[in-house]
Amino acid sequence: MTGETGAEPVDPGRLAGQRGALDALVVERLVREFQPLQILLFGSPVRDEAGPDGDVDLLVVLPRMEDKRQALVAMLRAVNGIPLPLDVIPTDLDEIARRGHVVGTVLRAALRKGKIIYERTD
């Protein structure tokens, strides 16, 4: 996915689990639709605790986000139809600056322990 967004292709091998091709498809759709700065995989897949039916937890870092709820709905629509249990959390640089350090939040845990599976190169 190089080109206008400066995105690098997603290597399914970088993603956790046996569902690499589906994971890569999710990332490719999110990159195409939202041009995020980063996508982080977090939760049980990163801790090597994911079972075959475990979900994929993604933190999608946008440059700017006007409405978190609208961003979430749009992201879920973008990945609709992919047969993968998925949790997507949209965030932006402002929210990271304001809340990324708050102990006990999913945002902090994802930022500290998550694995970057996509990073924009431009």
PDB file of N, CA and C in Angstrom:
ATOM      1  N   MET A   1       0.822  -1.187   0.000  1.00  0.00           N
ATOM      2  CA  MET A   1       0.000   0.000   0.000  1.00  0.00           C
ATOM      3  C   MET A   1       0.865   1.250   0.000  1.00  0.00           C
ATOM      4  N   THR A   2       1.765   1.332  -0.872  1.00  0.00           N
ATOM      5  CA  THR A   2       2.537   2.552  -0.958  1.00  0.00           C
ATOM      6  C   THR A   2       1.818   3.523  -1.868  1.00  0.00           C
ATOM      7  N   GLY A   3       2.274   4.742  -1.880  1.00  0.00           N
ATOM      8  CA  GLY A   3       1.639   5.721  -2.748  1.00  0.00           C
ATOM      9  C   GLY A   3       1.247   6.965  -2.004  1.00  0.00           C
ATOM     10  N   GLU A   4       0.026   7.408  -2.218  1.00  0.00           N
ATOM     11  CA  GLU A   4      -0.433   8.679  -1.682  1.00  0.00           C
ATOM     12  C   GLU A   4      -0.346   8.759  -0.168  1.00  0.00           C
ATOM     13  N   THR A   5      -0.595   7.670   0.533  1.00  0.00           N
ATOM     14  CA  THR A   5      -0.586   7.720   1.989  1.00  0.00           C
ATOM     15  C   THR A   5       0.800   7.480   2.563  1.00  0.00           C
ATOM     16  N   GLY A   6       1.741   7.045   1.767  1.00  0.00           N
ATOM     17  CA  GLY A   6       3.061   6.716   2.285  1.00  0.00           C
ATOM     18  C   GLY A   6       3.047   5.421   3.071  1.00  0.00           C
ATOM     19  N   ALA A   7       2.032   4.623   2.896  1.00  0.00           N
ATOM     20  CA  ALA A   7       1.871   3.407   3.674  1.00  0.00           C
ATOM     21  C   ALA A   7       2.735   2.291   3.118  1.00  0.00           C
ATOM     22  N   GLU A   8       3.249   1.490   4.024  1.00  0.00           N
ATOM     23  CA  GLU A   8       3.997   0.303   3.652  1.00  0.00           C
ATOM     24  C   GLU A   8       3.035  -0.878   3.611  1.00  0.00           C
ATOM     25  N   PRO A   9       3.301  -1.864   2.747  1.00  0.00           N
ATOM     26  CA  PRO A   9       2.449  -3.052   2.728  1.00  0.00           C
ATOM     27  C   PRO A   9       2.479  -3.748   4.082  1.00  0.00           C
ATOM     28  N   VAL A  10       1.393  -4.387   4.431  1.00  0.00           N
ATOM     29  CA  VAL A  10       1.317  -5.114   5.684  1.00  0.00           C
ATOM     30  C   VAL A  10       1.818  -6.524   5.450  1.00  0.00           C
ATOM     31  N   ASP A  11       2.785  -6.947   6.232  1.00  0.00           N
ATOM     32  CA  ASP A  11       3.325  -8.295   6.170  1.00  0.00           C
ATOM     33  C   ASP A  11       2.542  -9.154   7.156  1.00  0.00           C
ATOM     34  N   PRO A  12       1.765 -10.125   6.681  1.00  0.00           N
ATOM     35  CA  PRO A  12       0.983 -10.939   7.607  1.00  0.00           C
ATOM     36  C   PRO A  12       1.835 -11.618   8.670  1.00  0.00           C
ATOM     37  N   GLY A  13       3.084 -11.863   8.392  1.00  0.00           N
ATOM     38  CA  GLY A  13       3.964 -12.477   9.370  1.00  0.00           C
ATOM     39  C   GLY A  13       4.224 -11.603  10.580  1.00  0.00           C
ATOM     40  N   ARG A  14       4.011 -10.291  10.447  1.00  0.00           N
ATOM     41  CA  ARG A  14       4.200  -9.381  11.577  1.00  0.00           C
ATOM     42  C   ARG A  14       3.031  -9.436  12.548  1.00  0.00           C
ATOM     43  N   LEU A  15       1.954 -10.057  12.164  1.00  0.00           N
ATOM     44  CA  LEU A  15       0.762 -10.094  12.986  1.00  0.00           C
ATOM     45  C   LEU A  15       0.695 -11.401  13.751  1.00  0.00           C
ATOM     46  N   ALA A  16       0.106 -11.337  14.945  1.00  0.00           N
ATOM     47  CA  ALA A  16       0.037 -12.510  15.806  1.00  0.00           C
ATOM     48  C   ALA A  16      -1.051 -13.470  15.333  1.00  0.00           C
ATOM     49  N   GLY A  17      -0.845 -14.739  15.626  1.00  0.00           N
ATOM     50  CA  GLY A  17      -1.881 -15.733  15.393  1.00  0.00           C
ATOM     51  C   GLY A  17      -1.812 -16.378  14.030  1.00  0.00           C
ATOM     52  N   GLN A  18      -2.655 -17.376  13.857  1.00  0.00           N
ATOM     53  CA  GLN A  18      -2.716 -18.117  12.602  1.00  0.00           C
ATOM     54  C   GLN A  18      -3.604 -17.422  11.588  1.00  0.00           C
ATOM     55  N   ARG A  19      -4.225 -16.348  11.974  1.00  0.00           N
ATOM     56  CA  ARG A  19      -5.147 -15.656  11.082  1.00  0.00           C
ATOM     57  C   ARG A  19      -4.465 -14.486  10.406  1.00  0.00           C
ATOM     58  N   GLY A  20      -3.193 -14.602  10.147  1.00  0.00           N
ATOM     59  CA  GLY A  20      -2.420 -13.489   9.604  1.00  0.00           C
ATOM     60  C   GLY A  20      -3.022 -12.822   8.384  1.00  0.00           C
ATOM     61  N   ALA A  21      -3.568 -13.605   7.471  1.00  0.00           N
ATOM     62  CA  ALA A  21      -4.132 -13.012   6.254  1.00  0.00           C
ATOM     63  C   ALA A  21      -5.347 -12.150   6.576  1.00  0.00           C
ATOM     64  N   LEU A  22      -6.204 -12.611   7.491  1.00  0.00           N
ATOM     65  CA  LEU A  22      -7.363 -11.805   7.886  1.00  0.00           C
ATOM     66  C   LEU A  22      -6.923 -10.571   8.657  1.00  0.00           C
ATOM     67  N   ASP A  23      -5.948 -10.745   9.547  1.00  0.00           N
ATOM     68  CA  ASP A  23      -5.414  -9.606  10.296  1.00  0.00           C
ATOM     69  C   ASP A  23      -4.872  -8.554   9.336  1.00  0.00           C
ATOM     70  N   ALA A  24      -4.136  -9.001   8.335  1.00  0.00           N
ATOM     71  CA  ALA A  24      -3.559  -8.076   7.359  1.00  0.00           C
ATOM     72  C   ALA A  24      -4.654  -7.365   6.573  1.00  0.00           C
ATOM     73  N   LEU A  25      -5.730  -8.069   6.250  1.00  0.00           N
ATOM     74  CA  LEU A  25      -6.841  -7.454   5.529  1.00  0.00           C
ATOM     75  C   LEU A  25      -7.482  -6.344   6.364  1.00  0.00           C
ATOM     76  N   VAL A  26      -7.653  -6.582   7.652  1.00  0.00           N
ATOM     77  CA  VAL A  26      -8.194  -5.555   8.552  1.00  0.00           C
ATOM     78  C   VAL A  26      -7.299  -4.326   8.529  1.00  0.00           C
ATOM     79  N   VAL A  27      -5.996  -4.534   8.692  1.00  0.00           N
ATOM     80  CA  VAL A  27      -5.052  -3.414   8.710  1.00  0.00           C
ATOM     81  C   VAL A  27      -5.081  -2.678   7.376  1.00  0.00           C
ATOM     82  N   GLU A  28      -5.087  -3.404   6.286  1.00  0.00           N
ATOM     83  CA  GLU A  28      -5.104  -2.755   4.968  1.00  0.00           C
ATOM     84  C   GLU A  28      -6.350  -1.895   4.777  1.00  0.00           C
ATOM     85  N   ARG A  29      -7.502  -2.390   5.213  1.00  0.00           N
ATOM     86  CA  ARG A  29      -8.727  -1.587   5.090  1.00  0.00           C
ATOM     87  C   ARG A  29      -8.660  -0.334   5.957  1.00  0.00           C
ATOM     88  N   LEU A  30      -8.172  -0.477   7.185  1.00  0.00           N
ATOM     89  CA  LEU A  30      -8.069   0.690   8.068  1.00  0.00           C
ATOM     90  C   LEU A  30      -7.091   1.719   7.509  1.00  0.00           C
ATOM     91  N   VAL A  31      -5.987   1.252   6.960  1.00  0.00           N
ATOM     92  CA  VAL A  31      -5.000   2.164   6.369  1.00  0.00           C
ATOM     93  C   VAL A  31      -5.598   2.877   5.160  1.00  0.00           C
ATOM     94  N   ARG A  32      -6.257   2.134   4.305  1.00  0.00           N
ATOM     95  CA  ARG A  32      -6.843   2.723   3.099  1.00  0.00           C
ATOM     96  C   ARG A  32      -7.893   3.783   3.444  1.00  0.00           C
ATOM     97  N   GLU A  33      -8.736   3.505   4.409  1.00  0.00           N
ATOM     98  CA  GLU A  33      -9.844   4.403   4.734  1.00  0.00           C
ATOM     99  C   GLU A  33      -9.455   5.576   5.632  1.00  0.00           C
ATOM    100  N   PHE A  34      -8.464   5.391   6.517  1.00  0.00           N
ATOM    101  CA  PHE A  34      -8.229   6.398   7.567  1.00  0.00           C
ATOM    102  C   PHE A  34      -6.820   6.972   7.594  1.00  0.00           C
ATOM    103  N   GLN A  35      -5.895   6.420   6.839  1.00  0.00           N
ATOM    104  CA  GLN A  35      -4.517   6.890   6.806  1.00  0.00           C
ATOM    105  C   GLN A  35      -3.962   7.143   8.221  1.00  0.00           C
ATOM    106  N   PRO A  36      -4.005   6.139   9.097  1.00  0.00           N
ATOM    107  CA  PRO A  36      -3.532   6.340  10.468  1.00  0.00           C
ATOM    108  C   PRO A  36      -2.022   6.539  10.515  1.00  0.00           C
ATOM    109  N   LEU A  37      -1.563   7.106  11.619  1.00  0.00           N
ATOM    110  CA  LEU A  37      -0.126   7.231  11.852  1.00  0.00           C
ATOM    111  C   LEU A  37       0.453   5.881  12.253  1.00  0.00           C
ATOM    112  N   GLN A  38      -0.284   5.179  13.104  1.00  0.00           N
ATOM    113  CA  GLN A  38       0.146   3.866  13.581  1.00  0.00           C
ATOM    114  C   GLN A  38      -1.077   3.001  13.856  1.00  0.00           C
ATOM    115  N   ILE A  39      -0.842   1.704  13.824  1.00  0.00           N
ATOM    116  CA  ILE A  39      -1.807   0.741  14.337  1.00  0.00           C
ATOM    117  C   ILE A  39      -1.027  -0.180  15.258  1.00  0.00           C
ATOM    118  N   LEU A  40      -1.519  -0.315  16.479  1.00  0.00           N
ATOM    119  CA  LEU A  40      -0.876  -1.173  17.463  1.00  0.00           C
ATOM    120  C   LEU A  40      -1.767  -2.365  17.780  1.00  0.00           C
ATOM    121  N   LEU A  41      -1.166  -3.533  17.835  1.00  0.00           N
ATOM    122  CA  LEU A  41      -1.824  -4.743  18.299  1.00  0.00           C
ATOM    123  C   LEU A  41      -1.544  -4.835  19.791  1.00  0.00           C
ATOM    124  N   PHE A  42      -2.572  -5.088  20.590  1.00  0.00           N
ATOM    125  CA  PHE A  42      -2.339  -5.192  22.031  1.00  0.00           C
ATOM    126  C   PHE A  42      -3.249  -6.266  22.611  1.00  0.00           C
ATOM    127  N   GLY A  43      -3.079  -6.517  23.885  1.00  0.00           N
ATOM    128  CA  GLY A  43      -3.903  -7.510  24.566  1.00  0.00           C
ATOM    129  C   GLY A  43      -3.320  -8.902  24.460  1.00  0.00           C
ATOM    130  N   SER A  44      -4.190  -9.896  24.518  1.00  0.00           N
ATOM    131  CA  SER A  44      -3.752 -11.290  24.590  1.00  0.00           C
ATOM    132  C   SER A  44      -2.886 -11.739  23.420  1.00  0.00           C
ATOM    133  N   PRO A  45      -3.097 -11.275  22.180  1.00  0.00           N
ATOM    134  CA  PRO A  45      -2.201 -11.724  21.108  1.00  0.00           C
ATOM    135  C   PRO A  45      -0.740 -11.323  21.332  1.00  0.00           C
ATOM    136  N   VAL A  46      -0.522 -10.165  21.915  1.00  0.00           N
ATOM    137  CA  VAL A  46       0.844  -9.697  22.161  1.00  0.00           C
ATOM    138  C   VAL A  46       1.472 -10.460  23.323  1.00  0.00           C
ATOM    139  N   ARG A  47       0.644 -10.858  24.271  1.00  0.00           N
ATOM    140  CA  ARG A  47       1.140 -11.614  25.434  1.00  0.00           C
ATOM    141  C   ARG A  47       1.236 -13.108  25.136  1.00  0.00           C
ATOM    142  N   ASP A  48       0.984 -13.512  23.894  1.00  0.00           N
ATOM    143  CA  ASP A  48       0.972 -14.925  23.499  1.00  0.00           C
ATOM    144  C   ASP A  48      -0.023 -15.736  24.319  1.00  0.00           C
ATOM    145  N   GLU A  49      -1.143 -15.114  24.658  1.00  0.00           N
ATOM    146  CA  GLU A  49      -2.186 -15.788  25.424  1.00  0.00           C
ATOM    147  C   GLU A  49      -3.460 -15.973  24.609  1.00  0.00           C
ATOM    148  N   ALA A  50      -3.420 -15.620  23.349  1.00  0.00           N
ATOM    149  CA  ALA A  50      -4.629 -15.690  22.525  1.00  0.00           C
ATOM    150  C   ALA A  50      -4.911 -17.120  22.113  1.00  0.00           C
ATOM    151  N   GLY A  51      -6.146 -17.521  22.284  1.00  0.00           N
ATOM    152  CA  GLY A  51      -6.581 -18.822  21.807  1.00  0.00           C
ATOM    153  C   GLY A  51      -7.020 -18.713  20.356  1.00  0.00           C
ATOM    154  N   PRO A  52      -7.386 -19.823  19.750  1.00  0.00           N
ATOM    155  CA  PRO A  52      -7.787 -19.797  18.339  1.00  0.00           C
ATOM    156  C   PRO A  52      -9.022 -18.936  18.082  1.00  0.00           C
ATOM    157  N   ASP A  53      -9.854 -18.741  19.093  1.00  0.00           N
ATOM    158  CA  ASP A  53     -11.054 -17.922  18.935  1.00  0.00           C
ATOM    159  C   ASP A  53     -10.909 -16.549  19.581  1.00  0.00           C
ATOM    160  N   GLY A  54      -9.695 -16.200  19.991  1.00  0.00           N
ATOM    161  CA  GLY A  54      -9.471 -14.913  20.649  1.00  0.00           C
ATOM    162  C   GLY A  54      -9.656 -13.747  19.699  1.00  0.00           C
ATOM    163  N   ASP A  55      -9.935 -12.595  20.288  1.00  0.00           N
ATOM    164  CA  ASP A  55     -10.152 -11.419  19.454  1.00  0.00           C
ATOM    165  C   ASP A  55      -8.839 -10.701  19.170  1.00  0.00           C
ATOM    166  N   VAL A  56      -8.899  -9.808  18.214  1.00  0.00           N
ATOM    167  CA  VAL A  56      -7.772  -8.970  17.831  1.00  0.00           C
ATOM    168  C   VAL A  56      -8.071  -7.571  18.356  1.00  0.00           C
ATOM    169  N   ASP A  57      -7.174  -7.043  19.178  1.00  0.00           N
ATOM    170  CA  ASP A  57      -7.333  -5.711  19.758  1.00  0.00           C
ATOM    171  C   ASP A  57      -6.393  -4.752  19.049  1.00  0.00           C
ATOM    172  N   LEU A  58      -6.958  -3.700  18.439  1.00  0.00           N
ATOM    173  CA  LEU A  58      -6.158  -2.734  17.691  1.00  0.00           C
ATOM    174  C   LEU A  58      -6.390  -1.325  18.210  1.00  0.00           C
ATOM    175  N   LEU A  59      -5.302  -0.597  18.417  1.00  0.00           N
ATOM    176  CA  LEU A  59      -5.350   0.834  18.700  1.00  0.00           C
ATOM    177  C   LEU A  59      -4.949   1.528  17.410  1.00  0.00           C
ATOM    178  N   VAL A  60      -5.841   2.353  16.882  1.00  0.00           N
ATOM    179  CA  VAL A  60      -5.615   3.034  15.608  1.00  0.00           C
ATOM    180  C   VAL A  60      -5.352   4.507  15.912  1.00  0.00           C
ATOM    181  N   VAL A  61      -4.103   4.939  15.685  1.00  0.00           N
ATOM    182  CA  VAL A  61      -3.683   6.301  16.014  1.00  0.00           C
ATOM    183  C   VAL A  61      -3.825   7.188  14.782  1.00  0.00           C
ATOM    184  N   LEU A  62      -4.748   8.130  14.882  1.00  0.00           N
ATOM    185  CA  LEU A  62      -4.999   9.082  13.800  1.00  0.00           C
ATOM    186  C   LEU A  62      -4.284  10.397  14.101  1.00  0.00           C
ATOM    187  N   PRO A  63      -3.974  11.180  13.072  1.00  0.00           N
ATOM    188  CA  PRO A  63      -3.374  12.492  13.336  1.00  0.00           C
ATOM    189  C   PRO A  63      -4.324  13.380  14.135  1.00  0.00           C
ATOM    190  N   ARG A  64      -5.604  13.314  13.773  1.00  0.00           N
ATOM    191  CA  ARG A  64      -6.627  14.127  14.433  1.00  0.00           C
ATOM    192  C   ARG A  64      -7.970  13.428  14.319  1.00  0.00           C
ATOM    193  N   MET A  65      -8.772  13.581  15.352  1.00  0.00           N
ATOM    194  CA  MET A  65     -10.070  12.919  15.369  1.00  0.00           C
ATOM    195  C   MET A  65     -11.087  13.901  15.948  1.00  0.00           C
ATOM    196  N   GLU A  66     -12.093  14.224  15.165  1.00  0.00           N
ATOM    197  CA  GLU A  66     -13.120  15.169  15.624  1.00  0.00           C
ATOM    198  C   GLU A  66     -14.076  14.524  16.624  1.00  0.00           C
ATOM    199  N   ASP A  67     -14.522  13.317  16.321  1.00  0.00           N
ATOM    200  CA  ASP A  67     -15.526  12.644  17.143  1.00  0.00           C
ATOM    201  C   ASP A  67     -15.148  11.170  17.255  1.00  0.00           C
ATOM    202  N   LYS A  68     -14.784  10.752  18.460  1.00  0.00           N
ATOM    203  CA  LYS A  68     -14.309   9.382  18.674  1.00  0.00           C
ATOM    204  C   LYS A  68     -15.377   8.348  18.316  1.00  0.00           C
ATOM    205  N   ARG A  69     -16.610   8.606  18.694  1.00  0.00           N
ATOM    206  CA  ARG A  69     -17.691   7.652  18.409  1.00  0.00           C
ATOM    207  C   ARG A  69     -17.889   7.494  16.899  1.00  0.00           C
ATOM    208  N   GLN A  70     -17.882   8.607  16.178  1.00  0.00           N
ATOM    209  CA  GLN A  70     -18.036   8.537  14.719  1.00  0.00           C
ATOM    210  C   GLN A  70     -16.858   7.805  14.085  1.00  0.00           C
ATOM    211  N   ALA A  71     -15.655   8.047  14.605  1.00  0.00           N
ATOM    212  CA  ALA A  71     -14.473   7.356  14.080  1.00  0.00           C
ATOM    213  C   ALA A  71     -14.596   5.852  14.303  1.00  0.00           C
ATOM    214  N   LEU A  72     -15.045   5.456  15.484  1.00  0.00           N
ATOM    215  CA  LEU A  72     -15.214   4.036  15.784  1.00  0.00           C
ATOM    216  C   LEU A  72     -16.235   3.392  14.848  1.00  0.00           C
ATOM    217  N   VAL A  73     -17.380   4.032  14.686  1.00  0.00           N
ATOM    218  CA  VAL A  73     -18.420   3.487  13.806  1.00  0.00           C
ATOM    219  C   VAL A  73     -17.891   3.347  12.380  1.00  0.00           C
ATOM    220  N   ALA A  74     -17.186   4.358  11.899  1.00  0.00           N
ATOM    221  CA  ALA A  74     -16.633   4.310  10.539  1.00  0.00           C
ATOM    222  C   ALA A  74     -15.605   3.189  10.402  1.00  0.00           C
ATOM    223  N   MET A  75     -14.775   2.990  11.430  1.00  0.00           N
ATOM    224  CA  MET A  75     -13.774   1.922  11.381  1.00  0.00           C
ATOM    225  C   MET A  75     -14.436   0.554  11.379  1.00  0.00           C
ATOM    226  N   LEU A  76     -15.456   0.394  12.198  1.00  0.00           N
ATOM    227  CA  LEU A  76     -16.157  -0.892  12.222  1.00  0.00           C
ATOM    228  C   LEU A  76     -16.853  -1.170  10.893  1.00  0.00           C
ATOM    229  N   ARG A  77     -17.377  -0.143  10.262  1.00  0.00           N
ATOM    230  CA  ARG A  77     -17.971  -0.325   8.929  1.00  0.00           C
ATOM    231  C   ARG A  77     -16.912  -0.732   7.912  1.00  0.00           C
ATOM    232  N   ALA A  78     -15.732  -0.148   8.028  1.00  0.00           N
ATOM    233  CA  ALA A  78     -14.656  -0.441   7.075  1.00  0.00           C
ATOM    234  C   ALA A  78     -14.220  -1.902   7.137  1.00  0.00           C
ATOM    235  N   VAL A  79     -14.293  -2.505   8.314  1.00  0.00           N
ATOM    236  CA  VAL A  79     -13.844  -3.895   8.460  1.00  0.00           C
ATOM    237  C   VAL A  79     -15.013  -4.877   8.516  1.00  0.00           C
ATOM    238  N   ASN A  80     -16.213  -4.363   8.326  1.00  0.00           N
ATOM    239  CA  ASN A  80     -17.400  -5.219   8.334  1.00  0.00           C
ATOM    240  C   ASN A  80     -17.263  -6.312   7.271  1.00  0.00           C
ATOM    241  N   GLY A  81     -17.659  -7.502   7.637  1.00  0.00           N
ATOM    242  CA  GLY A  81     -17.610  -8.617   6.700  1.00  0.00           C
ATOM    243  C   GLY A  81     -16.360  -9.465   6.818  1.00  0.00           C
ATOM    244  N   ILE A  82     -15.365  -8.991   7.545  1.00  0.00           N
ATOM    245  CA  ILE A  82     -14.168  -9.805   7.772  1.00  0.00           C
ATOM    246  C   ILE A  82     -14.469 -10.708   8.968  1.00  0.00           C
ATOM    247  N   PRO A  83     -14.408 -12.024   8.782  1.00  0.00           N
ATOM    248  CA  PRO A  83     -14.797 -12.943   9.851  1.00  0.00           C
ATOM    249  C   PRO A  83     -13.710 -13.079  10.919  1.00  0.00           C
ATOM    250  N   LEU A  84     -13.614 -12.053  11.737  1.00  0.00           N
ATOM    251  CA  LEU A  84     -12.566 -11.996  12.751  1.00  0.00           C
ATOM    252  C   LEU A  84     -13.118 -11.251  13.957  1.00  0.00           C
ATOM    253  N   PRO A  85     -13.031 -11.834  15.156  1.00  0.00           N
ATOM    254  CA  PRO A  85     -13.449 -11.085  16.341  1.00  0.00           C
ATOM    255  C   PRO A  85     -12.471  -9.928  16.558  1.00  0.00           C
ATOM    256  N   LEU A  86     -12.997  -8.726  16.608  1.00  0.00           N
ATOM    257  CA  LEU A  86     -12.145  -7.549  16.520  1.00  0.00           C
ATOM    258  C   LEU A  86     -12.613  -6.449  17.462  1.00  0.00           C
ATOM    259  N   ASP A  87     -11.669  -5.864  18.184  1.00  0.00           N
ATOM    260  CA  ASP A  87     -11.908  -4.648  18.962  1.00  0.00           C
ATOM    261  C   ASP A  87     -11.000  -3.577  18.392  1.00  0.00           C
ATOM    262  N   VAL A  88     -11.593  -2.462  17.984  1.00  0.00           N
ATOM    263  CA  VAL A  88     -10.842  -1.347  17.410  1.00  0.00           C
ATOM    264  C   VAL A  88     -11.038  -0.143  18.315  1.00  0.00           C
ATOM    265  N   ILE A  89      -9.933   0.488  18.692  1.00  0.00           N
ATOM    266  CA  ILE A  89     -10.008   1.696  19.503  1.00  0.00           C
ATOM    267  C   ILE A  89      -9.340   2.825  18.737  1.00  0.00           C
ATOM    268  N   PRO A  90     -10.128   3.802  18.283  1.00  0.00           N
ATOM    269  CA  PRO A  90      -9.521   4.959  17.624  1.00  0.00           C
ATOM    270  C   PRO A  90      -9.005   5.948  18.663  1.00  0.00           C
ATOM    271  N   THR A  91      -7.898   6.585  18.348  1.00  0.00           N
ATOM    272  CA  THR A  91      -7.353   7.644  19.199  1.00  0.00           C
ATOM    273  C   THR A  91      -6.624   8.623  18.298  1.00  0.00           C
ATOM    274  N   ASP A  92      -6.181   9.722  18.877  1.00  0.00           N
ATOM    275  CA  ASP A  92      -5.380  10.677  18.112  1.00  0.00           C
ATOM    276  C   ASP A  92      -4.269  11.221  18.999  1.00  0.00           C
ATOM    277  N   LEU A  93      -3.412  12.027  18.413  1.00  0.00           N
ATOM    278  CA  LEU A  93      -2.250  12.531  19.144  1.00  0.00           C
ATOM    279  C   LEU A  93      -2.655  13.375  20.345  1.00  0.00           C
ATOM    280  N   ASP A  94      -3.735  14.130  20.221  1.00  0.00           N
ATOM    281  CA  ASP A  94      -4.202  14.953  21.334  1.00  0.00           C
ATOM    282  C   ASP A  94      -4.644  14.088  22.513  1.00  0.00           C
ATOM    283  N   GLU A  95      -5.423  13.049  22.237  1.00  0.00           N
ATOM    284  CA  GLU A  95      -5.867  12.162  23.313  1.00  0.00           C
ATOM    285  C   GLU A  95      -4.683  11.438  23.948  1.00  0.00           C
ATOM    286  N   ILE A  96      -3.721  11.044  23.149  1.00  0.00           N
ATOM    287  CA  ILE A  96      -2.529  10.389  23.699  1.00  0.00           C
ATOM    288  C   ILE A  96      -1.795  11.340  24.632  1.00  0.00           C
ATOM    289  N   ALA A  97      -1.652  12.598  24.225  1.00  0.00           N
ATOM    290  CA  ALA A  97      -0.975  13.585  25.069  1.00  0.00           C
ATOM    291  C   ALA A  97      -1.749  13.819  26.370  1.00  0.00           C
ATOM    292  N   ARG A  98      -3.072  13.843  26.292  1.00  0.00           N
ATOM    293  CA  ARG A  98      -3.900  14.115  27.468  1.00  0.00           C
ATOM    294  C   ARG A  98      -4.084  12.902  28.370  1.00  0.00           C
ATOM    295  N   ARG A  99      -4.239  11.710  27.779  1.00  0.00           N
ATOM    296  CA  ARG A  99      -4.656  10.555  28.568  1.00  0.00           C
ATOM    297  C   ARG A  99      -3.747   9.340  28.464  1.00  0.00           C
ATOM    298  N   GLY A 100      -2.727   9.409  27.639  1.00  0.00           N
ATOM    299  CA  GLY A 100      -1.872   8.254  27.420  1.00  0.00           C
ATOM    300  C   GLY A 100      -1.098   7.796  28.641  1.00  0.00           C
ATOM    301  N   HIS A 101      -0.985   8.651  29.630  1.00  0.00           N
ATOM    302  CA  HIS A 101      -0.234   8.330  30.849  1.00  0.00           C
ATOM    303  C   HIS A 101      -1.128   7.887  32.006  1.00  0.00           C
ATOM    304  N   VAL A 102      -2.438   7.934  31.831  1.00  0.00           N
ATOM    305  CA  VAL A 102      -3.371   7.656  32.924  1.00  0.00           C
ATOM    306  C   VAL A 102      -3.386   6.156  33.233  1.00  0.00           C
ATOM    307  N   VAL A 103      -2.948   5.836  34.445  1.00  0.00           N
ATOM    308  CA  VAL A 103      -2.871   4.450  34.892  1.00  0.00           C
ATOM    309  C   VAL A 103      -4.271   3.826  34.890  1.00  0.00           C
ATOM    310  N   GLY A 104      -4.342   2.596  34.437  1.00  0.00           N
ATOM    311  CA  GLY A 104      -5.594   1.856  34.439  1.00  0.00           C
ATOM    312  C   GLY A 104      -6.425   2.010  33.184  1.00  0.00           C
ATOM    313  N   THR A 105      -5.957   2.802  32.229  1.00  0.00           N
ATOM    314  CA  THR A 105      -6.722   2.969  30.992  1.00  0.00           C
ATOM    315  C   THR A 105      -6.234   1.999  29.923  1.00  0.00           C
ATOM    316  N   VAL A 106      -7.140   1.640  29.037  1.00  0.00           N
ATOM    317  CA  VAL A 106      -6.776   0.789  27.906  1.00  0.00           C
ATOM    318  C   VAL A 106      -5.755   1.512  27.036  1.00  0.00           C
ATOM    319  N   LEU A 107      -5.914   2.819  26.899  1.00  0.00           N
ATOM    320  CA  LEU A 107      -4.993   3.604  26.075  1.00  0.00           C
ATOM    321  C   LEU A 107      -3.562   3.456  26.576  1.00  0.00           C
ATOM    322  N   ARG A 108      -3.351   3.626  27.860  1.00  0.00           N
ATOM    323  CA  ARG A 108      -1.994   3.509  28.423  1.00  0.00           C
ATOM    324  C   ARG A 108      -1.439   2.097  28.226  1.00  0.00           C
ATOM    325  N   ALA A 109      -2.258   1.107  28.515  1.00  0.00           N
ATOM    326  CA  ALA A 109      -1.807  -0.282  28.359  1.00  0.00           C
ATOM    327  C   ALA A 109      -1.430  -0.576  26.911  1.00  0.00           C
ATOM    328  N   ALA A 110      -2.252  -0.124  25.979  1.00  0.00           N
ATOM    329  CA  ALA A 110      -1.967  -0.370  24.559  1.00  0.00           C
ATOM    330  C   ALA A 110      -0.691   0.337  24.129  1.00  0.00           C
ATOM    331  N   LEU A 111      -0.497   1.568  24.587  1.00  0.00           N
ATOM    332  CA  LEU A 111       0.705   2.319  24.214  1.00  0.00           C
ATOM    333  C   LEU A 111       1.965   1.712  24.818  1.00  0.00           C
ATOM    334  N   ARG A 112       1.869   1.224  26.038  1.00  0.00           N
ATOM    335  CA  ARG A 112       3.050   0.687  26.725  1.00  0.00           C
ATOM    336  C   ARG A 112       3.397  -0.737  26.308  1.00  0.00           C
ATOM    337  N   LYS A 113       2.375  -1.552  26.084  1.00  0.00           N
ATOM    338  CA  LYS A 113       2.636  -2.976  25.854  1.00  0.00           C
ATOM    339  C   LYS A 113       2.260  -3.456  24.462  1.00  0.00           C
ATOM    340  N   GLY A 114       1.673  -2.564  23.678  1.00  0.00           N
ATOM    341  CA  GLY A 114       1.262  -2.952  22.334  1.00  0.00           C
ATOM    342  C   GLY A 114       2.441  -3.086  21.391  1.00  0.00           C
ATOM    343  N   LYS A 115       2.179  -3.745  20.283  1.00  0.00           N
ATOM    344  CA  LYS A 115       3.188  -3.971  19.248  1.00  0.00           C
ATOM    345  C   LYS A 115       2.759  -3.211  17.997  1.00  0.00           C
ATOM    346  N   ILE A 116       3.639  -2.367  17.485  1.00  0.00           N
ATOM    347  CA  ILE A 116       3.324  -1.613  16.275  1.00  0.00           C
ATOM    348  C   ILE A 116       3.304  -2.584  15.096  1.00  0.00           C
ATOM    349  N   ILE A 117       2.154  -2.672  14.435  1.00  0.00           N
ATOM    350  CA  ILE A 117       2.037  -3.551  13.271  1.00  0.00           C
ATOM    351  C   ILE A 117       1.909  -2.758  11.981  1.00  0.00           C
ATOM    352  N   TYR A 118       1.719  -1.462  12.103  1.00  0.00           N
ATOM    353  CA  TYR A 118       1.708  -0.573  10.942  1.00  0.00           C
ATOM    354  C   TYR A 118       2.179   0.797  11.408  1.00  0.00           C
ATOM    355  N   GLU A 119       3.008   1.430  10.583  1.00  0.00           N
ATOM    356  CA  GLU A 119       3.441   2.797  10.859  1.00  0.00           C
ATOM    357  C   GLU A 119       3.587   3.529   9.537  1.00  0.00           C
ATOM    358  N   ARG A 120       2.943   4.671   9.453  1.00  0.00           N
ATOM    359  CA  ARG A 120       3.004   5.477   8.234  1.00  0.00           C
ATOM    360  C   ARG A 120       4.421   6.001   8.054  1.00  0.00           C
ATOM    361  N   THR A 121       4.879   6.028   6.825  1.00  0.00           N
ATOM    362  CA  THR A 121       6.276   6.377   6.553  1.00  0.00           C
ATOM    363  C   THR A 121       6.475   7.767   5.983  1.00  0.00           C
ATOM    364  N   ASP A 122       5.413   8.522   5.747  1.00  0.00           N
ATOM    365  CA  ASP A 122       5.623   9.846   5.153  1.00  0.00           C
ATOM    366  C   ASP A 122       5.784  10.933   6.184  1.00  0.00           C
TER     367      ASP A 122
END
